[in-house]
Each structure stands twice: as C-alpha cells, then as structure tokens.
Amino acid sequence: MLIGATLPAWGRLVNASELLAWLSRYRTYQALRPLWRALYTASPHIALPVSSGRRSR
C-alpha cells in the first residue's frame, strides 16, 4: 500500500525495463546465497570483517 501511495512521486523516475533488469540481477544474487553459505562454512576466513558501526571520518 505504501508503494502505491508514493508511486506518483517516483514513478516517472523508474524505467520499467530497468526495474525488471534489477529484479533479475537481484534474483540471481539471491540464488548464489546457498553457494556462499557452503563456501563460508568450509572456509570462514574468506569473508570480510564485520564493521562495528559507522565509518570514522
């Protein structure tokens, strides 16, 4: 419902073909999650360290 309410404000900025391309890339990324989980389980040192809060400037 919130998306529908705000659509007039940002709807002109979003190209339908770009949105579909983004959704396709996102689904492909999500499909890799089981592989990443298996790799990380076997070798946890491959992951970047988790940041503790905001970056200092």
Protein backbone atom coordinates (compact mmCIF):
# COMPACT_ATOMS: atom_id res chain seq x y z
CA MET A 1 0.00 0.00 0.00
CA LEU A 2 2.84 2.40 0.81
CA ILE A 3 4.42 1.83 -2.60
CA GLY A 4 1.13 2.61 -4.31
CA ALA A 5 0.71 5.80 -2.28
CA THR A 6 4.16 7.10 -3.21
CA LEU A 7 4.15 5.93 -6.84
CA PRO A 8 3.14 9.31 -8.30
CA ALA A 9 6.21 10.92 -6.72
CA TRP A 10 8.85 8.47 -8.02
CA GLY A 11 7.05 6.51 -10.72
CA ARG A 12 8.28 8.73 -13.54
CA LEU A 13 11.89 8.24 -12.40
CA VAL A 14 11.78 4.44 -12.65
CA ASN A 15 12.01 2.84 -16.05
CA ALA A 16 10.11 -0.47 -16.20
CA SER A 17 12.85 -2.23 -18.16
CA GLU A 18 15.50 -1.05 -15.69
CA LEU A 19 13.36 -2.27 -12.81
CA LEU A 20 12.93 -5.68 -14.40
CA ALA A 21 16.68 -5.89 -15.06
CA TRP A 22 17.40 -5.02 -11.43
CA LEU A 23 14.93 -7.63 -10.21
CA SER A 24 16.57 -10.24 -12.44
CA ARG A 25 20.03 -9.40 -11.09
CA TYR A 26 18.71 -9.47 -7.52
CA ARG A 27 17.18 -12.92 -8.01
CA THR A 28 20.44 -14.17 -9.50
CA TYR A 29 22.31 -12.78 -6.49
CA GLN A 30 19.89 -14.47 -4.11
CA ALA A 31 20.31 -17.77 -5.96
CA LEU A 32 24.03 -17.65 -5.06
CA ARG A 33 23.30 -17.50 -1.32
CA PRO A 34 23.44 -21.31 -0.77
CA LEU A 35 26.80 -21.45 -2.54
CA TRP A 36 28.15 -18.59 -0.42
CA ARG A 37 26.89 -20.27 2.75
CA ALA A 38 28.62 -23.54 1.82
CA LEU A 39 31.87 -21.77 0.97
CA TYR A 40 31.79 -19.72 4.16
CA THR A 41 31.04 -22.79 6.28
CA ALA A 42 34.01 -24.61 4.78
CA SER A 43 36.36 -21.62 4.96
CA PRO A 44 35.14 -18.72 7.18
CA HIS A 45 38.26 -16.61 6.62
CA ILE A 46 37.03 -15.71 3.10
CA ALA A 47 34.53 -13.17 4.47
CA LEU A 48 35.34 -9.53 5.08
CA PRO A 49 35.36 -8.48 8.73
CA VAL A 50 32.10 -7.05 10.05
CA SER A 51 32.20 -3.33 10.69
CA SER A 52 31.30 -2.16 14.19
CA GLY A 53 29.17 0.86 13.46
CA ARG A 54 29.72 3.86 11.25
CA ARG A 55 32.96 4.61 9.49
CA SER A 56 35.05 7.28 11.15
CA ARG A 57 35.99 10.24 9.01
